[in-house]
Amino acid sequence: MLTSPRLEGNAWLPDGRKMSFAEYGNPGGRPVIWLHGTPGGRRQIPQEARVAAKETNLRLIAIDRPGCGHSTPYQYDTVLEFATDLEVVVDLLGIDEFAMVGLSGGGPYVLASAYALAPRVAAAAVLGGVAPSVGPEAADGGPVKLTAQLQPLLVHLREPLAVTLTSLVGVLRPLGTPAIIAYGWLSPAGDRRVLNRPEMRAMFLDDIFSPGRLHAAVYDL
């Protein structure tokens, strides 16, 4: 049901940490860096995007943010610091100029990278990006505002929460499909139509329940 990654591997950073990635499409095509949502990882690529990458001569590279998948857990002080790690990864992959796409929680990392790595980033797109949690454009309600209010507590609970979440994933795997179906029924009509598609369910299940960590889902809070 899903086109498998053409290549999966790890890029080692100067301080010994690693960032894992998966490639789709044409190895000689135009490079596009894909940053997953929260939660998510390098396999959070819709089937249509996997096929389109090959048909349109793109080298689509999805990267596990630190603490996700096989990437080493690491808590940045600012989102902008991610760009330093990303530059090391693209250099190791032999990439000069590239485009970027960020889904949901990956949106802030795309914007920060496009700013810090200009002019290497030829284009950047954010799909359903998460709203700012601080500053004049901060969300005035919902989960984003609640997360901002809980920051003093989260500072001390991030690591325990991350370890607990990662440990629960394997136990909850048999409930994955029913959980996605239930979530779909609680979602708006448009989201429900997407989540009812078998290939989209397969993508989310493969991504969330693939071996690895889910620390980044907590780090993003």
N, C-alpha and C. Protein backbone atom coordinates (compact mmCIF):
# COMPACT_ATOMS: atom_id res chain seq x y z
N MET A 1 0.82 -1.20 0.00
CA MET A 1 0.00 0.00 0.00
C MET A 1 0.86 1.26 0.00
N LEU A 2 2.04 1.19 0.61
CA LEU A 2 2.94 2.34 0.66
C LEU A 2 4.22 2.04 -0.09
N THR A 3 4.69 3.03 -0.87
CA THR A 3 5.98 2.91 -1.53
C THR A 3 7.08 3.05 -0.48
N SER A 4 7.94 2.06 -0.38
CA SER A 4 8.99 2.07 0.65
C SER A 4 10.02 3.16 0.35
N PRO A 5 10.68 3.68 1.39
CA PRO A 5 11.77 4.64 1.15
C PRO A 5 12.83 4.03 0.24
N ARG A 6 13.40 4.85 -0.62
CA ARG A 6 14.49 4.37 -1.48
C ARG A 6 15.74 4.10 -0.66
N LEU A 7 15.91 4.87 0.40
CA LEU A 7 17.09 4.76 1.24
C LEU A 7 16.76 5.28 2.63
N GLU A 8 17.26 4.63 3.66
CA GLU A 8 17.18 5.13 5.03
C GLU A 8 18.57 5.05 5.66
N GLY A 9 18.93 6.07 6.45
CA GLY A 9 20.25 6.07 7.05
C GLY A 9 20.38 7.10 8.14
N ASN A 10 21.61 7.29 8.59
CA ASN A 10 21.91 8.24 9.68
C ASN A 10 23.02 9.20 9.24
N ALA A 11 22.89 10.44 9.65
CA ALA A 11 23.94 11.43 9.45
C ALA A 11 24.49 11.79 10.83
N TRP A 12 25.81 11.73 10.97
CA TRP A 12 26.44 11.99 12.28
C TRP A 12 26.87 13.44 12.40
N LEU A 13 26.49 14.06 13.51
CA LEU A 13 26.82 15.46 13.77
C LEU A 13 28.17 15.55 14.48
N PRO A 14 28.82 16.70 14.45
CA PRO A 14 30.16 16.84 15.04
C PRO A 14 30.25 16.46 16.52
N ASP A 15 29.16 16.64 17.28
CA ASP A 15 29.21 16.33 18.71
C ASP A 15 28.86 14.88 19.02
N GLY A 16 28.71 14.04 17.98
CA GLY A 16 28.43 12.63 18.20
C GLY A 16 26.97 12.25 18.11
N ARG A 17 26.09 13.23 18.06
CA ARG A 17 24.68 12.92 17.87
C ARG A 17 24.43 12.47 16.44
N LYS A 18 23.31 11.81 16.22
CA LYS A 18 22.97 11.41 14.86
C LYS A 18 21.56 11.87 14.51
N MET A 19 21.32 12.11 13.22
CA MET A 19 20.00 12.43 12.72
C MET A 19 19.68 11.44 11.61
N SER A 20 18.57 10.75 11.76
CA SER A 20 18.19 9.74 10.78
C SER A 20 17.32 10.37 9.69
N PHE A 21 17.32 9.73 8.53
CA PHE A 21 16.58 10.28 7.39
C PHE A 21 16.09 9.14 6.51
N ALA A 22 15.14 9.46 5.65
CA ALA A 22 14.65 8.54 4.64
C ALA A 22 14.51 9.31 3.34
N GLU A 23 14.90 8.67 2.24
CA GLU A 23 14.82 9.32 0.92
C GLU A 23 13.78 8.63 0.06
N TYR A 24 13.08 9.44 -0.71
CA TYR A 24 12.07 8.97 -1.66
C TYR A 24 12.35 9.64 -3.01
N GLY A 25 11.86 9.03 -4.08
CA GLY A 25 11.99 9.66 -5.39
C GLY A 25 13.27 9.32 -6.11
N ASN A 26 13.83 10.31 -6.78
CA ASN A 26 14.99 10.13 -7.65
C ASN A 26 16.26 10.61 -6.94
N PRO A 27 17.27 9.76 -6.80
CA PRO A 27 18.50 10.18 -6.09
C PRO A 27 19.24 11.31 -6.79
N GLY A 28 18.98 11.50 -8.07
CA GLY A 28 19.62 12.59 -8.80
C GLY A 28 18.71 13.78 -9.04
N GLY A 29 17.53 13.76 -8.40
CA GLY A 29 16.56 14.82 -8.62
C GLY A 29 16.82 16.06 -7.78
N ARG A 30 15.93 17.04 -7.95
CA ARG A 30 16.04 18.28 -7.19
C ARG A 30 15.73 18.00 -5.72
N PRO A 31 16.62 18.36 -4.78
CA PRO A 31 16.44 18.01 -3.38
C PRO A 31 15.36 18.85 -2.67
N VAL A 32 14.52 18.17 -1.93
CA VAL A 32 13.50 18.80 -1.09
C VAL A 32 13.59 18.16 0.29
N ILE A 33 13.79 18.98 1.32
CA ILE A 33 13.83 18.49 2.69
C ILE A 33 12.43 18.56 3.28
N TRP A 34 11.95 17.43 3.82
CA TRP A 34 10.61 17.34 4.40
C TRP A 34 10.75 17.20 5.91
N LEU A 35 10.11 18.08 6.67
CA LEU A 35 10.13 18.03 8.13
C LEU A 35 8.74 17.64 8.64
N HIS A 36 8.70 16.55 9.39
CA HIS A 36 7.45 15.95 9.84
C HIS A 36 6.72 16.78 10.89
N GLY A 37 5.50 16.35 11.19
CA GLY A 37 4.70 17.03 12.19
C GLY A 37 4.98 16.51 13.59
N THR A 38 4.07 16.84 14.52
CA THR A 38 4.21 16.46 15.93
C THR A 38 2.95 15.72 16.38
N PRO A 39 3.01 14.41 16.65
CA PRO A 39 4.17 13.54 16.50
C PRO A 39 4.38 13.17 15.03
N GLY A 40 5.50 12.54 14.75
CA GLY A 40 5.80 12.13 13.38
C GLY A 40 7.24 11.73 13.25
N GLY A 41 7.64 11.46 12.02
CA GLY A 41 9.01 11.05 11.75
C GLY A 41 9.27 10.95 10.27
N ARG A 42 10.37 10.31 9.92
CA ARG A 42 10.82 10.28 8.54
C ARG A 42 9.90 9.51 7.60
N ARG A 43 8.96 8.74 8.14
CA ARG A 43 8.04 8.00 7.29
C ARG A 43 6.68 8.68 7.18
N GLN A 44 6.58 9.89 7.69
CA GLN A 44 5.32 10.63 7.62
C GLN A 44 5.23 11.36 6.27
N ILE A 45 5.25 10.57 5.22
CA ILE A 45 5.16 11.08 3.86
C ILE A 45 3.96 10.43 3.19
N PRO A 46 2.95 11.18 2.77
CA PRO A 46 1.78 10.57 2.11
C PRO A 46 2.20 9.80 0.85
N GLN A 47 1.43 8.77 0.53
CA GLN A 47 1.74 7.96 -0.63
C GLN A 47 1.80 8.80 -1.91
N GLU A 48 0.90 9.79 -2.02
CA GLU A 48 0.92 10.63 -3.22
C GLU A 48 2.24 11.37 -3.37
N ALA A 49 2.79 11.83 -2.24
CA ALA A 49 4.07 12.55 -2.29
C ALA A 49 5.20 11.61 -2.66
N ARG A 50 5.16 10.37 -2.20
CA ARG A 50 6.19 9.39 -2.53
C ARG A 50 6.21 9.10 -4.02
N VAL A 51 5.02 8.96 -4.60
CA VAL A 51 4.92 8.69 -6.03
C VAL A 51 5.29 9.93 -6.83
N ALA A 52 4.76 11.10 -6.41
CA ALA A 52 5.02 12.34 -7.14
C ALA A 52 6.50 12.69 -7.15
N ALA A 53 7.22 12.37 -6.08
CA ALA A 53 8.64 12.67 -6.03
C ALA A 53 9.38 11.99 -7.17
N LYS A 54 9.03 10.75 -7.45
CA LYS A 54 9.68 10.02 -8.53
C LYS A 54 9.24 10.53 -9.89
N GLU A 55 7.95 10.82 -10.02
CA GLU A 55 7.41 11.25 -11.30
C GLU A 55 7.86 12.65 -11.69
N THR A 56 8.18 13.49 -10.71
CA THR A 56 8.57 14.88 -11.00
C THR A 56 10.05 15.14 -10.77
N ASN A 57 10.83 14.06 -10.66
CA ASN A 57 12.29 14.17 -10.55
C ASN A 57 12.72 14.95 -9.31
N LEU A 58 12.16 14.54 -8.16
CA LEU A 58 12.54 15.15 -6.89
C LEU A 58 13.28 14.13 -6.02
N ARG A 59 14.24 14.62 -5.27
CA ARG A 59 14.90 13.83 -4.24
C ARG A 59 14.32 14.28 -2.91
N LEU A 60 13.30 13.58 -2.44
CA LEU A 60 12.56 13.98 -1.26
C LEU A 60 13.20 13.32 -0.04
N ILE A 61 13.68 14.14 0.89
CA ILE A 61 14.42 13.65 2.05
C ILE A 61 13.70 14.06 3.32
N ALA A 62 13.19 13.06 4.04
CA ALA A 62 12.49 13.31 5.30
C ALA A 62 13.46 13.06 6.45
N ILE A 63 13.53 13.98 7.37
CA ILE A 63 14.50 13.91 8.46
C ILE A 63 13.79 13.79 9.81
N ASP A 64 14.24 12.83 10.62
CA ASP A 64 13.75 12.73 12.00
C ASP A 64 14.36 13.86 12.82
N ARG A 65 13.53 14.73 13.38
CA ARG A 65 14.07 15.75 14.27
C ARG A 65 14.64 15.08 15.52
N PRO A 66 15.56 15.74 16.20
CA PRO A 66 16.18 15.15 17.39
C PRO A 66 15.14 14.63 18.39
N GLY A 67 15.33 13.38 18.81
CA GLY A 67 14.40 12.78 19.73
C GLY A 67 13.25 12.07 19.05
N CYS A 68 13.33 11.92 17.73
CA CYS A 68 12.28 11.21 17.01
C CYS A 68 12.92 10.12 16.17
N GLY A 69 12.20 9.00 15.99
CA GLY A 69 12.75 7.91 15.19
C GLY A 69 14.08 7.43 15.75
N HIS A 70 15.11 7.47 14.92
CA HIS A 70 16.44 7.04 15.35
C HIS A 70 17.37 8.20 15.67
N SER A 71 16.87 9.43 15.56
CA SER A 71 17.71 10.59 15.86
C SER A 71 17.93 10.72 17.37
N THR A 72 19.13 11.13 17.73
CA THR A 72 19.48 11.28 19.14
C THR A 72 18.62 12.35 19.81
N PRO A 73 18.05 12.06 20.98
CA PRO A 73 17.27 13.10 21.69
C PRO A 73 18.13 14.32 22.00
N TYR A 74 17.56 15.48 21.79
CA TYR A 74 18.28 16.72 22.09
C TYR A 74 17.26 17.85 22.16
N GLN A 75 17.31 18.61 23.23
CA GLN A 75 16.39 19.74 23.42
C GLN A 75 17.09 21.03 23.05
N TYR A 76 16.61 21.68 21.98
CA TYR A 76 17.18 22.97 21.57
C TYR A 76 16.71 24.08 22.51
N ASP A 77 17.56 25.08 22.69
CA ASP A 77 17.14 26.26 23.44
C ASP A 77 16.21 27.13 22.59
N THR A 78 16.46 27.16 21.27
CA THR A 78 15.60 27.90 20.34
C THR A 78 15.42 27.07 19.08
N VAL A 79 14.32 27.29 18.37
CA VAL A 79 14.06 26.57 17.13
C VAL A 79 15.15 26.87 16.10
N LEU A 80 15.71 28.08 16.16
CA LEU A 80 16.72 28.48 15.19
C LEU A 80 17.96 27.58 15.24
N GLU A 81 18.24 26.98 16.41
CA GLU A 81 19.42 26.13 16.53
C GLU A 81 19.34 24.89 15.64
N PHE A 82 18.11 24.49 15.29
CA PHE A 82 17.95 23.32 14.43
C PHE A 82 18.65 23.51 13.09
N ALA A 83 18.68 24.74 12.60
CA ALA A 83 19.28 25.02 11.30
C ALA A 83 20.76 24.62 11.25
N THR A 84 21.46 24.75 12.36
CA THR A 84 22.88 24.37 12.41
C THR A 84 23.04 22.87 12.15
N ASP A 85 22.19 22.07 12.78
CA ASP A 85 22.22 20.62 12.57
C ASP A 85 21.81 20.27 11.15
N LEU A 86 20.78 20.93 10.66
CA LEU A 86 20.31 20.65 9.30
C LEU A 86 21.39 20.92 8.27
N GLU A 87 22.15 22.00 8.47
CA GLU A 87 23.20 22.32 7.51
C GLU A 87 24.25 21.21 7.45
N VAL A 88 24.58 20.63 8.60
CA VAL A 88 25.53 19.52 8.62
C VAL A 88 24.98 18.34 7.83
N VAL A 89 23.69 18.05 8.02
CA VAL A 89 23.07 16.90 7.34
C VAL A 89 23.08 17.08 5.83
N VAL A 90 22.64 18.24 5.35
CA VAL A 90 22.58 18.44 3.90
C VAL A 90 23.98 18.46 3.29
N ASP A 91 24.97 18.95 4.05
CA ASP A 91 26.35 18.90 3.55
C ASP A 91 26.81 17.45 3.41
N LEU A 92 26.50 16.61 4.40
CA LEU A 92 26.89 15.21 4.34
C LEU A 92 26.19 14.48 3.20
N LEU A 93 25.00 14.93 2.85
CA LEU A 93 24.25 14.31 1.76
C LEU A 93 24.63 14.88 0.39
N GLY A 94 25.60 15.79 0.39
CA GLY A 94 26.08 16.36 -0.86
C GLY A 94 25.11 17.31 -1.53
N ILE A 95 24.35 18.03 -0.71
CA ILE A 95 23.33 18.94 -1.24
C ILE A 95 23.78 20.38 -1.06
N ASP A 96 23.63 21.17 -2.11
CA ASP A 96 23.96 22.60 -2.04
C ASP A 96 22.69 23.40 -1.83
N GLU A 97 21.92 23.60 -2.89
CA GLU A 97 20.66 24.35 -2.81
C GLU A 97 19.50 23.36 -2.69
N PHE A 98 18.49 23.72 -1.90
CA PHE A 98 17.37 22.81 -1.69
C PHE A 98 16.11 23.59 -1.32
N ALA A 99 14.98 22.91 -1.47
CA ALA A 99 13.70 23.46 -1.02
C ALA A 99 13.29 22.74 0.26
N MET A 100 12.30 23.29 0.97
CA MET A 100 11.86 22.69 2.23
C MET A 100 10.34 22.69 2.33
N VAL A 101 9.83 21.64 2.99
CA VAL A 101 8.40 21.55 3.31
C VAL A 101 8.28 21.15 4.77
N GLY A 102 7.42 21.85 5.52
CA GLY A 102 7.21 21.52 6.92
C GLY A 102 5.74 21.27 7.18
N LEU A 103 5.43 20.12 7.77
CA LEU A 103 4.06 19.77 8.08
C LEU A 103 3.77 20.04 9.55
N SER A 104 2.73 20.78 9.84
CA SER A 104 2.26 21.02 11.21
C SER A 104 3.40 21.46 12.12
N GLY A 105 3.80 20.62 13.07
CA GLY A 105 4.87 20.99 14.01
C GLY A 105 6.21 21.18 13.36
N GLY A 106 6.38 20.73 12.11
CA GLY A 106 7.62 20.96 11.39
C GLY A 106 7.70 22.36 10.79
N GLY A 107 6.57 23.07 10.77
CA GLY A 107 6.53 24.40 10.17
C GLY A 107 7.51 25.39 10.78
N PRO A 108 7.56 25.54 12.11
CA PRO A 108 8.51 26.50 12.69
C PRO A 108 9.97 26.18 12.35
N TYR A 109 10.29 24.90 12.24
CA TYR A 109 11.67 24.51 11.92
C TYR A 109 12.01 24.86 10.47
N VAL A 110 11.03 24.76 9.59
CA VAL A 110 11.25 25.16 8.20
C VAL A 110 11.48 26.67 8.10
N LEU A 111 10.64 27.44 8.79
CA LEU A 111 10.79 28.89 8.74
C LEU A 111 12.14 29.33 9.31
N ALA A 112 12.54 28.71 10.42
CA ALA A 112 13.83 29.06 11.03
C ALA A 112 14.98 28.70 10.10
N SER A 113 14.90 27.55 9.45
CA SER A 113 15.97 27.10 8.55
C SER A 113 16.04 27.96 7.30
N ALA A 114 14.88 28.32 6.76
CA ALA A 114 14.86 29.17 5.56
C ALA A 114 15.51 30.52 5.85
N TYR A 115 15.31 31.01 7.06
CA TYR A 115 15.93 32.28 7.47
C TYR A 115 17.43 32.12 7.68
N ALA A 116 17.82 31.09 8.43
CA ALA A 116 19.22 30.94 8.81
C ALA A 116 20.11 30.46 7.67
N LEU A 117 19.55 29.68 6.75
CA LEU A 117 20.36 29.08 5.69
C LEU A 117 20.17 29.74 4.33
N ALA A 118 19.51 30.88 4.30
CA ALA A 118 19.41 31.62 3.04
C ALA A 118 20.82 32.01 2.58
N PRO A 119 21.12 31.95 1.27
CA PRO A 119 20.21 31.66 0.15
C PRO A 119 20.20 30.20 -0.27
N ARG A 120 20.71 29.28 0.52
CA ARG A 120 20.71 27.86 0.14
C ARG A 120 19.30 27.31 0.02
N VAL A 121 18.37 27.84 0.82
CA VAL A 121 16.98 27.38 0.77
C VAL A 121 16.28 28.15 -0.34
N ALA A 122 16.05 27.47 -1.46
CA ALA A 122 15.47 28.13 -2.64
C ALA A 122 13.99 28.42 -2.48
N ALA A 123 13.29 27.60 -1.71
CA ALA A 123 11.85 27.79 -1.49
C ALA A 123 11.47 27.05 -0.21
N ALA A 124 10.44 27.56 0.45
CA ALA A 124 9.98 26.92 1.69
C ALA A 124 8.46 26.99 1.76
N ALA A 125 7.85 25.88 2.19
CA ALA A 125 6.40 25.83 2.31
C ALA A 125 6.03 25.21 3.65
N VAL A 126 4.96 25.74 4.25
CA VAL A 126 4.45 25.22 5.52
C VAL A 126 3.03 24.73 5.29
N LEU A 127 2.77 23.47 5.67
CA LEU A 127 1.45 22.87 5.49
C LEU A 127 0.77 22.73 6.85
N GLY A 128 -0.25 23.53 7.09
CA GLY A 128 -0.97 23.45 8.36
C GLY A 128 -0.07 23.68 9.55
N GLY A 129 0.79 24.69 9.47
CA GLY A 129 1.77 24.94 10.52
C GLY A 129 1.14 25.28 11.87
N VAL A 130 1.83 24.88 12.93
CA VAL A 130 1.34 25.18 14.28
C VAL A 130 1.47 26.68 14.54
N ALA A 131 0.53 27.23 15.31
CA ALA A 131 0.53 28.66 15.60
C ALA A 131 1.62 29.00 16.61
N PRO A 132 2.12 30.26 16.59
CA PRO A 132 3.10 30.67 17.60
C PRO A 132 2.51 30.57 19.01
N SER A 133 3.35 30.25 19.98
CA SER A 133 2.89 30.15 21.37
C SER A 133 3.28 31.37 22.20
N VAL A 134 4.16 32.22 21.65
CA VAL A 134 4.57 33.44 22.35
C VAL A 134 4.61 34.59 21.35
N GLY A 135 4.67 35.82 21.88
CA GLY A 135 4.78 36.98 21.01
C GLY A 135 3.43 37.53 20.59
N PRO A 136 3.42 38.59 19.78
CA PRO A 136 2.18 39.26 19.40
C PRO A 136 1.25 38.40 18.54
N GLU A 137 1.78 37.38 17.88
CA GLU A 137 0.94 36.52 17.03
C GLU A 137 0.60 35.20 17.72
N ALA A 138 0.80 35.12 19.01
CA ALA A 138 0.51 33.89 19.74
C ALA A 138 -0.98 33.57 19.71
N ALA A 139 -1.28 32.27 19.67
CA ALA A 139 -2.67 31.84 19.69
C ALA A 139 -3.33 32.26 20.99
N ASP A 140 -4.57 32.72 20.90
CA ASP A 140 -5.25 33.22 22.10
C ASP A 140 -6.16 32.16 22.73
N GLY A 141 -6.00 30.90 22.32
CA GLY A 141 -6.80 29.83 22.89
C GLY A 141 -6.34 28.48 22.38
N GLY A 142 -7.02 27.43 22.83
CA GLY A 142 -6.73 26.10 22.35
C GLY A 142 -5.48 25.48 22.97
N PRO A 143 -5.06 24.33 22.43
CA PRO A 143 -3.91 23.60 22.99
C PRO A 143 -2.62 24.40 23.01
N VAL A 144 -2.42 25.27 21.99
CA VAL A 144 -1.17 26.03 21.92
C VAL A 144 -1.05 26.97 23.12
N LYS A 145 -2.13 27.68 23.44
CA LYS A 145 -2.09 28.59 24.59
C LYS A 145 -1.95 27.80 25.88
N LEU A 146 -2.64 26.66 25.97
CA LEU A 146 -2.54 25.84 27.18
C LEU A 146 -1.11 25.36 27.38
N THR A 147 -0.45 24.95 26.30
CA THR A 147 0.93 24.50 26.39
C THR A 147 1.84 25.62 26.89
N ALA A 148 1.61 26.84 26.37
CA ALA A 148 2.42 27.98 26.81
C ALA A 148 2.25 28.25 28.30
N GLN A 149 1.02 28.09 28.79
CA GLN A 149 0.76 28.33 30.20
C GLN A 149 1.41 27.27 31.10
N LEU A 150 1.61 26.08 30.54
CA LEU A 150 2.17 24.98 31.33
C LEU A 150 3.69 24.88 31.22
N GLN A 151 4.32 25.82 30.54
CA GLN A 151 5.76 25.74 30.33
C GLN A 151 6.57 25.58 31.61
N PRO A 152 6.28 26.31 32.69
CA PRO A 152 7.09 26.13 33.91
C PRO A 152 7.08 24.70 34.43
N LEU A 153 5.94 24.01 34.26
CA LEU A 153 5.83 22.62 34.69
C LEU A 153 6.50 21.67 33.70
N LEU A 154 6.33 21.95 32.40
CA LEU A 154 6.89 21.08 31.37
C LEU A 154 8.41 21.04 31.38
N VAL A 155 9.03 22.12 31.82
CA VAL A 155 10.49 22.16 31.88
C VAL A 155 11.03 20.99 32.69
N HIS A 156 10.32 20.62 33.75
CA HIS A 156 10.77 19.55 34.64
C HIS A 156 10.22 18.17 34.25
N LEU A 157 9.16 18.15 33.42
CA LEU A 157 8.50 16.88 33.12
C LEU A 157 8.78 16.37 31.71
N ARG A 158 9.50 17.12 30.89
CA ARG A 158 9.67 16.72 29.49
C ARG A 158 10.30 15.34 29.35
N GLU A 159 11.42 15.11 30.02
CA GLU A 159 12.11 13.83 29.86
C GLU A 159 11.27 12.65 30.36
N PRO A 160 10.68 12.73 31.58
CA PRO A 160 9.82 11.62 32.02
C PRO A 160 8.65 11.37 31.07
N LEU A 161 8.04 12.45 30.56
CA LEU A 161 6.93 12.29 29.63
C LEU A 161 7.40 11.65 28.33
N ALA A 162 8.57 12.05 27.85
CA ALA A 162 9.10 11.51 26.60
C ALA A 162 9.37 10.02 26.72
N VAL A 163 9.99 9.62 27.82
CA VAL A 163 10.29 8.20 28.03
C VAL A 163 9.00 7.39 28.16
N THR A 164 8.04 7.93 28.88
CA THR A 164 6.76 7.23 29.05
C THR A 164 6.03 7.08 27.73
N LEU A 165 5.99 8.13 26.93
CA LEU A 165 5.31 8.08 25.63
C LEU A 165 5.95 7.05 24.72
N THR A 166 7.28 7.04 24.67
CA THR A 166 7.98 6.08 23.82
C THR A 166 7.70 4.65 24.27
N SER A 167 7.65 4.43 25.58
CA SER A 167 7.40 3.10 26.11
C SER A 167 5.98 2.62 25.81
N LEU A 168 5.03 3.55 25.79
CA LEU A 168 3.63 3.18 25.58
C LEU A 168 3.33 2.81 24.13
N VAL A 169 4.14 3.31 23.20
CA VAL A 169 3.85 3.11 21.79
C VAL A 169 3.73 1.63 21.44
N GLY A 170 4.72 0.84 21.87
CA GLY A 170 4.70 -0.58 21.56
C GLY A 170 3.48 -1.29 22.15
N VAL A 171 3.12 -0.91 23.36
CA VAL A 171 1.98 -1.53 24.04
C VAL A 171 0.67 -1.20 23.34
N LEU A 172 0.57 0.03 22.82
CA LEU A 172 -0.68 0.50 22.22
C LEU A 172 -0.82 0.16 20.74
N ARG A 173 0.20 -0.45 20.15
CA ARG A 173 0.16 -0.73 18.72
C ARG A 173 -1.12 -1.45 18.26
N PRO A 174 -1.60 -2.49 18.99
CA PRO A 174 -2.83 -3.16 18.54
C PRO A 174 -4.05 -2.24 18.48
N LEU A 175 -3.99 -1.13 19.22
CA LEU A 175 -5.12 -0.19 19.24
C LEU A 175 -4.95 0.93 18.23
N GLY A 176 -3.90 0.86 17.39
CA GLY A 176 -3.60 1.95 16.48
C GLY A 176 -4.72 2.25 15.50
N THR A 177 -5.20 1.23 14.79
CA THR A 177 -6.25 1.46 13.80
C THR A 177 -7.54 1.96 14.43
N PRO A 178 -8.05 1.31 15.50
CA PRO A 178 -9.27 1.85 16.13
C PRO A 178 -9.09 3.28 16.63
N ALA A 179 -7.88 3.60 17.11
CA ALA A 179 -7.64 4.96 17.61
C ALA A 179 -7.71 5.99 16.50
N ILE A 180 -7.14 5.66 15.33
CA ILE A 180 -7.19 6.59 14.20
C ILE A 180 -8.62 6.76 13.71
N ILE A 181 -9.39 5.66 13.68
CA ILE A 181 -10.78 5.75 13.25
C ILE A 181 -11.57 6.64 14.22
N ALA A 182 -11.35 6.43 15.52
CA ALA A 182 -12.06 7.24 16.52
C ALA A 182 -11.66 8.71 16.41
N TYR A 183 -10.36 8.96 16.20
CA TYR A 183 -9.90 10.34 16.06
C TYR A 183 -10.55 10.99 14.84
N GLY A 184 -10.68 10.21 13.76
CA GLY A 184 -11.29 10.74 12.55
C GLY A 184 -12.73 11.18 12.77
N TRP A 185 -13.47 10.40 13.53
CA TRP A 185 -14.86 10.75 13.79
C TRP A 185 -15.00 11.99 14.67
N LEU A 186 -13.96 12.29 15.43
CA LEU A 186 -13.97 13.49 16.27
C LEU A 186 -13.43 14.71 15.55
N SER A 187 -12.93 14.51 14.32
CA SER A 187 -12.30 15.58 13.56
C SER A 187 -13.28 16.22 12.59
N PRO A 188 -12.92 17.40 12.04
CA PRO A 188 -13.76 18.03 11.03
C PRO A 188 -13.94 17.11 9.82
N ALA A 189 -14.95 17.40 9.03
CA ALA A 189 -15.31 16.54 7.90
C ALA A 189 -14.14 16.32 6.94
N GLY A 190 -13.38 17.38 6.66
CA GLY A 190 -12.25 17.26 5.74
C GLY A 190 -11.19 16.31 6.27
N ASP A 191 -10.86 16.44 7.54
CA ASP A 191 -9.89 15.53 8.15
C ASP A 191 -10.41 14.10 8.16
N ARG A 192 -11.70 13.95 8.40
CA ARG A 192 -12.29 12.61 8.46
C ARG A 192 -12.17 11.91 7.11
N ARG A 193 -12.38 12.64 6.03
CA ARG A 193 -12.26 12.04 4.70
C ARG A 193 -10.84 11.56 4.44
N VAL A 194 -9.86 12.35 4.88
CA VAL A 194 -8.47 11.97 4.68
C VAL A 194 -8.12 10.74 5.52
N LEU A 195 -8.50 10.74 6.78
CA LEU A 195 -8.14 9.65 7.68
C LEU A 195 -8.89 8.36 7.36
N ASN A 196 -9.98 8.45 6.61
CA ASN A 196 -10.71 7.26 6.22
C ASN A 196 -10.07 6.55 5.03
N ARG A 197 -9.09 7.19 4.41
CA ARG A 197 -8.40 6.54 3.29
C ARG A 197 -7.40 5.52 3.83
N PRO A 198 -7.46 4.28 3.36
CA PRO A 198 -6.59 3.22 3.89
C PRO A 198 -5.11 3.56 3.82
N GLU A 199 -4.67 4.20 2.72
CA GLU A 199 -3.24 4.49 2.59
C GLU A 199 -2.78 5.55 3.58
N MET A 200 -3.68 6.49 3.96
CA MET A 200 -3.31 7.49 4.95
C MET A 200 -3.23 6.85 6.34
N ARG A 201 -4.15 5.97 6.65
CA ARG A 201 -4.06 5.25 7.92
C ARG A 201 -2.76 4.45 7.98
N ALA A 202 -2.44 3.78 6.87
CA ALA A 202 -1.23 2.97 6.83
C ALA A 202 0.01 3.82 7.07
N MET A 203 0.02 5.04 6.49
CA MET A 203 1.18 5.92 6.66
C MET A 203 1.34 6.31 8.12
N PHE A 204 0.26 6.74 8.77
CA PHE A 204 0.35 7.16 10.15
C PHE A 204 0.75 6.01 11.07
N LEU A 205 0.20 4.83 10.83
CA LEU A 205 0.54 3.68 11.66
C LEU A 205 2.00 3.29 11.47
N ASP A 206 2.47 3.29 10.22
CA ASP A 206 3.86 2.94 9.94
C ASP A 206 4.80 3.95 10.58
N ASP A 207 4.41 5.21 10.53
CA ASP A 207 5.27 6.28 11.06
C ASP A 207 5.31 6.27 12.58
N ILE A 208 4.16 6.26 13.19
CA ILE A 208 4.10 6.38 14.65
C ILE A 208 4.63 5.13 15.34
N PHE A 209 4.33 3.95 14.77
CA PHE A 209 4.70 2.72 15.44
C PHE A 209 5.98 2.09 14.92
N SER A 210 6.71 2.80 14.04
CA SER A 210 8.01 2.29 13.63
C SER A 210 8.97 2.39 14.81
N PRO A 211 9.93 1.46 14.91
CA PRO A 211 10.85 1.49 16.06
C PRO A 211 11.56 2.83 16.18
N GLY A 212 11.67 3.31 17.37
CA GLY A 212 12.35 4.59 17.59
C GLY A 212 11.74 5.34 18.76
N ARG A 213 12.11 6.60 18.87
CA ARG A 213 11.67 7.42 20.00
C ARG A 213 10.60 8.41 19.57
N LEU A 214 9.88 8.91 20.57
CA LEU A 214 8.91 9.97 20.32
C LEU A 214 9.19 11.18 21.21
N HIS A 215 10.46 11.33 21.61
CA HIS A 215 10.83 12.45 22.48
C HIS A 215 10.49 13.80 21.84
N ALA A 216 10.67 13.92 20.52
CA ALA A 216 10.47 15.21 19.86
C ALA A 216 9.04 15.70 20.02
N ALA A 217 8.08 14.78 20.13
CA ALA A 217 6.69 15.18 20.31
C ALA A 217 6.52 15.94 21.62
N VAL A 218 7.34 15.60 22.62
CA VAL A 218 7.28 16.29 23.91
C VAL A 218 8.17 17.54 23.88
N TYR A 219 9.33 17.45 23.21
CA TYR A 219 10.23 18.60 23.11
C TYR A 219 9.53 19.79 22.43
N ASP A 220 8.60 19.50 21.49
CA ASP A 220 7.93 20.56 20.76
C ASP A 220 6.91 21.31 21.61
N LEU A 221 6.52 20.74 22.73
CA LEU A 221 5.50 21.38 23.56
C LEU A 221 6.01 22.68 24.18
